[in-house]
């Protein structure tokens, strides 16, 4: 019971932080492009785009912690939400992405 309560408090605190971030141009969120490699010739054939979040107080927050919160609260909406904002930032040349090689 105490552990469950602590988990809920942590989730609520993270929700507040995520809401503030989305109001501030998705500060802390970034896109991570993970290459998909053809095993026959070892060439990159595509890239998978992964959403990541780095908190100013918690450091890197794993997706299994923040994505369910975004989905449950409706903060992640493709047409007018997080992804569109981040992709627009990339198109405008902002450095909110990390490309793995």
C-alpha atoms as a PDB file:
ATOM      1  CA  UNK A   1       0.000   0.000   0.000  1.00  0.00           C
ATOM      2  CA  UNK A   2       2.701   2.534   0.906  1.00  0.00           C
ATOM      3  CA  UNK A   3       4.704   1.639  -2.205  1.00  0.00           C
ATOM      4  CA  UNK A   4       1.622   2.030  -4.398  1.00  0.00           C
ATOM      5  CA  UNK A   5       0.970   5.443  -2.891  1.00  0.00           C
ATOM      6  CA  UNK A   6       4.566   6.518  -3.521  1.00  0.00           C
ATOM      7  CA  UNK A   7       4.271   5.332  -7.148  1.00  0.00           C
ATOM      8  CA  UNK A   8       1.078   7.387  -7.602  1.00  0.00           C
ATOM      9  CA  UNK A   9       2.710  10.472  -6.089  1.00  0.00           C
ATOM     10  CA  UNK A  10       5.716  10.067  -8.394  1.00  0.00           C
ATOM     11  CA  UNK A  11       3.399   9.617 -11.398  1.00  0.00           C
ATOM     12  CA  UNK A  12       1.437  12.745 -10.439  1.00  0.00           C
ATOM     13  CA  UNK A  13       4.653  14.777 -10.053  1.00  0.00           C
ATOM     14  CA  UNK A  14       5.847  13.569 -13.445  1.00  0.00           C
ATOM     15  CA  UNK A  15       2.465  14.434 -14.982  1.00  0.00           C
ATOM     16  CA  UNK A  16       2.774  18.013 -13.705  1.00  0.00           C
ATOM     17  CA  UNK A  17       6.272  18.231 -15.153  1.00  0.00           C
ATOM     18  CA  UNK A  18       5.153  16.833 -18.525  1.00  0.00           C
ATOM     19  CA  UNK A  19       2.215  19.248 -18.685  1.00  0.00           C
ATOM     20  CA  UNK A  20       4.539  22.175 -18.008  1.00  0.00           C
ATOM     21  CA  UNK A  21       6.954  20.919 -20.639  1.00  0.00           C
ATOM     22  CA  UNK A  22       4.261  20.706 -23.317  1.00  0.00           C
ATOM     23  CA  UNK A  23       3.229  24.288 -22.482  1.00  0.00           C
ATOM     24  CA  UNK A  24       6.860  25.378 -22.932  1.00  0.00           C
ATOM     25  CA  UNK A  25       7.386  24.089 -26.464  1.00  0.00           C
ATOM     26  CA  UNK A  26       8.037  20.498 -25.398  1.00  0.00           C
ATOM     27  CA  UNK A  27      11.137  21.437 -23.441  1.00  0.00           C
ATOM     28  CA  UNK A  28      12.950  18.272 -22.392  1.00  0.00           C
ATOM     29  CA  UNK A  29      11.463  16.103 -25.140  1.00  0.00           C
ATOM     30  CA  UNK A  30      13.617  15.018 -28.030  1.00  0.00           C
ATOM     31  CA  UNK A  31      13.513  12.594 -30.912  1.00  0.00           C
ATOM     32  CA  UNK A  32      15.997   9.770 -31.123  1.00  0.00           C
ATOM     33  CA  UNK A  33      16.480   8.254 -34.563  1.00  0.00           C
ATOM     34  CA  UNK A  34      17.507   4.612 -34.329  1.00  0.00           C
ATOM     35  CA  UNK A  35      18.853   3.210 -37.592  1.00  0.00           C
ATOM     36  CA  UNK A  36      17.474  -0.004 -39.042  1.00  0.00           C
ATOM     37  CA  UNK A  37      20.341  -1.903 -40.659  1.00  0.00           C
ATOM     38  CA  UNK A  38      20.230  -4.502 -43.415  1.00  0.00           C
ATOM     39  CA  UNK A  39      22.141  -7.460 -41.968  1.00  0.00           C
ATOM     40  CA  UNK A  40      23.236  -8.663 -45.427  1.00  0.00           C
ATOM     41  CA  UNK A  41      25.175  -5.530 -46.387  1.00  0.00           C
ATOM     42  CA  UNK A  42      25.244  -3.583 -43.089  1.00  0.00           C
ATOM     43  CA  UNK A  43      23.724  -0.499 -44.717  1.00  0.00           C
ATOM     44  CA  UNK A  44      21.156   1.717 -43.039  1.00  0.00           C
ATOM     45  CA  UNK A  45      17.812   1.136 -44.765  1.00  0.00           C
ATOM     46  CA  UNK A  46      15.552   3.253 -42.554  1.00  0.00           C
ATOM     47  CA  UNK A  47      15.305   4.838 -39.140  1.00  0.00           C
ATOM     48  CA  UNK A  48      12.885   4.426 -36.299  1.00  0.00           C
ATOM     49  CA  UNK A  49      11.877   7.667 -34.597  1.00  0.00           C
ATOM     50  CA  UNK A  50      11.666   7.326 -30.819  1.00  0.00           C
ATOM     51  CA  UNK A  51      10.324   9.901 -28.373  1.00  0.00           C
ATOM     52  CA  UNK A  52      12.529  10.553 -25.343  1.00  0.00           C
ATOM     53  CA  UNK A  53      12.254  12.842 -22.320  1.00  0.00           C
ATOM     54  CA  UNK A  54      15.000  14.342 -20.199  1.00  0.00           C
ATOM     55  CA  UNK A  55      13.837  15.970 -16.990  1.00  0.00           C
ATOM     56  CA  UNK A  56      15.779  18.844 -15.491  1.00  0.00           C
ATOM     57  CA  UNK A  57      15.434  17.197 -12.062  1.00  0.00           C
ATOM     58  CA  UNK A  58      15.167  13.449 -12.802  1.00  0.00           C
ATOM     59  CA  UNK A  59      17.508  13.092 -15.753  1.00  0.00           C
ATOM     60  CA  UNK A  60      16.527  10.738 -18.559  1.00  0.00           C
ATOM     61  CA  UNK A  61      13.034   9.330 -17.932  1.00  0.00           C
ATOM     62  CA  UNK A  62      12.391   5.951 -19.504  1.00  0.00           C
ATOM     63  CA  UNK A  63       9.530   5.719 -22.044  1.00  0.00           C
ATOM     64  CA  UNK A  64       7.653   3.143 -19.957  1.00  0.00           C
ATOM     65  CA  UNK A  65       7.257   5.864 -17.310  1.00  0.00           C
ATOM     66  CA  UNK A  66       6.235   8.903 -19.379  1.00  0.00           C
ATOM     67  CA  UNK A  67       4.466   7.537 -22.475  1.00  0.00           C
ATOM     68  CA  UNK A  68       1.563   5.908 -20.557  1.00  0.00           C
ATOM     69  CA  UNK A  69       1.025   9.234 -18.749  1.00  0.00           C
ATOM     70  CA  UNK A  70       0.995  11.128 -22.053  1.00  0.00           C
ATOM     71  CA  UNK A  71      -1.468   8.632 -23.530  1.00  0.00           C
ATOM     72  CA  UNK A  72      -3.786   8.522 -20.479  1.00  0.00           C
ATOM     73  CA  UNK A  73      -3.984  12.293 -20.222  1.00  0.00           C
ATOM     74  CA  UNK A  74      -4.285  13.056 -23.932  1.00  0.00           C
ATOM     75  CA  UNK A  75      -1.060  15.089 -23.991  1.00  0.00           C
ATOM     76  CA  UNK A  76       0.189  13.047 -26.939  1.00  0.00           C
ATOM     77  CA  UNK A  77      -1.955  13.865 -29.967  1.00  0.00           C
ATOM     78  CA  UNK A  78      -0.401  13.505 -33.392  1.00  0.00           C
ATOM     79  CA  UNK A  79      -2.422  16.179 -35.138  1.00  0.00           C
ATOM     80  CA  UNK A  80      -1.728  19.041 -32.722  1.00  0.00           C
ATOM     81  CA  UNK A  81       0.493  17.692 -29.987  1.00  0.00           C
ATOM     82  CA  UNK A  82       3.905  16.622 -29.022  1.00  0.00           C
ATOM     83  CA  UNK A  83       5.082  14.823 -32.151  1.00  0.00           C
ATOM     84  CA  UNK A  84       4.052  17.640 -34.472  1.00  0.00           C
ATOM     85  CA  UNK A  85       5.783  20.216 -32.294  1.00  0.00           C
ATOM     86  CA  UNK A  86       8.985  18.185 -32.174  1.00  0.00           C
ATOM     87  CA  UNK A  87       8.951  17.450 -35.891  1.00  0.00           C
ATOM     88  CA  UNK A  88       8.393  21.144 -36.621  1.00  0.00           C
ATOM     89  CA  UNK A  89      11.367  21.938 -34.405  1.00  0.00           C
ATOM     90  CA  UNK A  90      13.494  19.511 -36.416  1.00  0.00           C
ATOM     91  CA  UNK A  91      12.319  21.034 -39.699  1.00  0.00           C
ATOM     92  CA  UNK A  92      13.154  24.497 -38.366  1.00  0.00           C
ATOM     93  CA  UNK A  93      16.688  23.406 -37.569  1.00  0.00           C
ATOM     94  CA  UNK A  94      16.435  23.275 -33.793  1.00  0.00           C
ATOM     95  CA  UNK A  95      18.700  20.758 -32.153  1.00  0.00           C
ATOM     96  CA  UNK A  96      16.138  18.726 -30.215  1.00  0.00           C
ATOM     97  CA  UNK A  97      17.077  15.443 -31.829  1.00  0.00           C
ATOM     98  CA  UNK A  98      19.762  12.881 -31.236  1.00  0.00           C
ATOM     99  CA  UNK A  99      20.882  10.721 -34.124  1.00  0.00           C
ATOM    100  CA  UNK A 100      22.588   7.461 -33.260  1.00  0.00           C
ATOM    101  CA  UNK A 101      25.186   6.169 -35.718  1.00  0.00           C
END
